[in-house]
Each structure stands twice: as structure tokens, then as C-alpha cells.
C-alpha atoms as a PDB file:
ATOM      1  CA  UNK A   1       6.702  11.282  -4.371  1.00  0.00           C
ATOM      2  CA  UNK A   2       4.269  10.486  -7.261  1.00  0.00           C
ATOM      3  CA  UNK A   3       1.326   8.223  -6.969  1.00  0.00           C
ATOM      4  CA  UNK A   4       2.129   4.379  -7.635  1.00  0.00           C
ATOM      5  CA  UNK A   5       1.118   3.163 -11.061  1.00  0.00           C
ATOM      6  CA  UNK A   6      -0.346  -0.229 -11.991  1.00  0.00           C
ATOM      7  CA  UNK A   7       3.073  -1.349 -13.430  1.00  0.00           C
ATOM      8  CA  UNK A   8       5.017  -0.304 -10.364  1.00  0.00           C
ATOM      9  CA  UNK A   9       2.554  -2.420  -8.215  1.00  0.00           C
ATOM     10  CA  UNK A  10       2.940  -5.428 -10.314  1.00  0.00           C
ATOM     11  CA  UNK A  11       6.703  -5.198 -10.066  1.00  0.00           C
ATOM     12  CA  UNK A  12       6.525  -4.739  -6.351  1.00  0.00           C
ATOM     13  CA  UNK A  13       4.329  -7.658  -5.972  1.00  0.00           C
ATOM     14  CA  UNK A  14       6.886  -9.971  -7.538  1.00  0.00           C
ATOM     15  CA  UNK A  15       9.808  -8.602  -5.573  1.00  0.00           C
ATOM     16  CA  UNK A  16      11.029  -8.840  -1.951  1.00  0.00           C
ATOM     17  CA  UNK A  17       9.225  -7.607   0.934  1.00  0.00           C
ATOM     18  CA  UNK A  18       8.964  -3.916   1.427  1.00  0.00           C
ATOM     19  CA  UNK A  19       6.744  -0.968   2.306  1.00  0.00           C
ATOM     20  CA  UNK A  20       6.049   1.791  -0.510  1.00  0.00           C
ATOM     21  CA  UNK A  21       4.246   4.827  -0.033  1.00  0.00           C
ATOM     22  CA  UNK A  22       2.398   6.726  -2.820  1.00  0.00           C
ATOM     23  CA  UNK A  23       2.694  10.030  -0.973  1.00  0.00           C
ATOM     24  CA  UNK A  24      -0.759  10.323   0.253  1.00  0.00           C
ATOM     25  CA  UNK A  25      -0.806   7.932   3.402  1.00  0.00           C
ATOM     26  CA  UNK A  26      -1.328   5.065   1.132  1.00  0.00           C
ATOM     27  CA  UNK A  27       1.076   2.243   1.653  1.00  0.00           C
ATOM     28  CA  UNK A  28       1.644  -0.929  -0.447  1.00  0.00           C
ATOM     29  CA  UNK A  29       3.045  -3.579   1.725  1.00  0.00           C
ATOM     30  CA  UNK A  30       4.687  -6.875   0.564  1.00  0.00           C
ATOM     31  CA  UNK A  31       5.203  -8.835   3.775  1.00  0.00           C
ATOM     32  CA  UNK A  32       7.516 -11.913   3.860  1.00  0.00           C
ATOM     33  CA  UNK A  33       5.034 -14.497   4.433  1.00  0.00           C
ATOM     34  CA  UNK A  34       1.673 -13.507   3.358  1.00  0.00           C
ATOM     35  CA  UNK A  35      -0.056 -11.763   0.256  1.00  0.00           C
ATOM     36  CA  UNK A  36       0.665  -8.066  -0.579  1.00  0.00           C
ATOM     37  CA  UNK A  37      -1.790  -5.626   0.697  1.00  0.00           C
ATOM     38  CA  UNK A  38      -2.893  -1.942   0.899  1.00  0.00           C
ATOM     39  CA  UNK A  39      -2.497  -0.164   4.091  1.00  0.00           C
ATOM     40  CA  UNK A  40      -3.551   3.315   5.312  1.00  0.00           C
ATOM     41  CA  UNK A  41      -0.970   5.144   7.516  1.00  0.00           C
ATOM     42  CA  UNK A  42      -2.389   7.590   9.921  1.00  0.00           C
ATOM     43  CA  UNK A  43      -1.789   9.515  13.357  1.00  0.00           C
ATOM     44  CA  UNK A  44      -3.853   9.087  16.472  1.00  0.00           C
ATOM     45  CA  UNK A  45      -3.024  10.642  19.887  1.00  0.00           C
ATOM     46  CA  UNK A  46       0.371  11.508  18.552  1.00  0.00           C
ATOM     47  CA  UNK A  47       1.213   7.934  17.601  1.00  0.00           C
ATOM     48  CA  UNK A  48       1.613   6.602  14.085  1.00  0.00           C
ATOM     49  CA  UNK A  49      -0.608   3.680  13.196  1.00  0.00           C
ATOM     50  CA  UNK A  50      -1.219   1.581  10.170  1.00  0.00           C
ATOM     51  CA  UNK A  51      -4.573   0.042   9.179  1.00  0.00           C
ATOM     52  CA  UNK A  52      -4.767  -2.719   6.510  1.00  0.00           C
ATOM     53  CA  UNK A  53      -7.392  -2.210   3.930  1.00  0.00           C
ATOM     54  CA  UNK A  54      -7.488  -5.125   1.452  1.00  0.00           C
ATOM     55  CA  UNK A  55      -5.448  -7.590  -0.289  1.00  0.00           C
ATOM     56  CA  UNK A  56      -4.161  -6.830  -3.729  1.00  0.00           C
ATOM     57  CA  UNK A  57      -6.594  -8.733  -5.775  1.00  0.00           C
ATOM     58  CA  UNK A  58      -9.640  -7.533  -3.989  1.00  0.00           C
ATOM     59  CA  UNK A  59      -9.413  -3.719  -4.903  1.00  0.00           C
ATOM     60  CA  UNK A  60      -8.129  -1.760  -7.911  1.00  0.00           C
ATOM     61  CA  UNK A  61      -5.333   0.646  -7.620  1.00  0.00           C
ATOM     62  CA  UNK A  62      -7.817   3.562  -8.925  1.00  0.00           C
ATOM     63  CA  UNK A  63     -10.177   2.822  -5.967  1.00  0.00           C
ATOM     64  CA  UNK A  64      -7.429   3.064  -3.497  1.00  0.00           C
ATOM     65  CA  UNK A  65      -5.856   6.383  -4.541  1.00  0.00           C
ATOM     66  CA  UNK A  66      -7.880   9.630  -3.636  1.00  0.00           C
ATOM     67  CA  UNK A  67      -8.495  11.922  -6.698  1.00  0.00           C
END
């Protein structure tokens, strides 16, 4: 799956709750009751985990995606 673009993130922010991956363990999460945020998915001790990084307005998309 290709990396998320700014246009896609803006469309997802206005949509219903969802979890969208950019293909590099970076997740864009739109919860039902709070603000959308960036999360990092990883595996530790053979268990899948998710760590919230920041709210959408705090960091830019280019900073969150690895180059």
C-alpha cells in the first residue's frame, strides 16, 4: 500500500471512525469520540501493540513518515 497523502488524511479526518495504515507500521486512527491521531504499530514479545504518537494538528505528515 502506498504512503498516505495530505489529501487522503484530510478526507479521512472528516469521515467515520477508521484505522488506515500507510504500509510502514504508521497508522492513522479516527476514533468515534476523540480527535484523530497517529499511532505506531509494533510487535513486542510476539504480541501486536499500538503506541499513540500525536494528534493530527500537532505534527505534519512528512515528519511522521520515514524517508
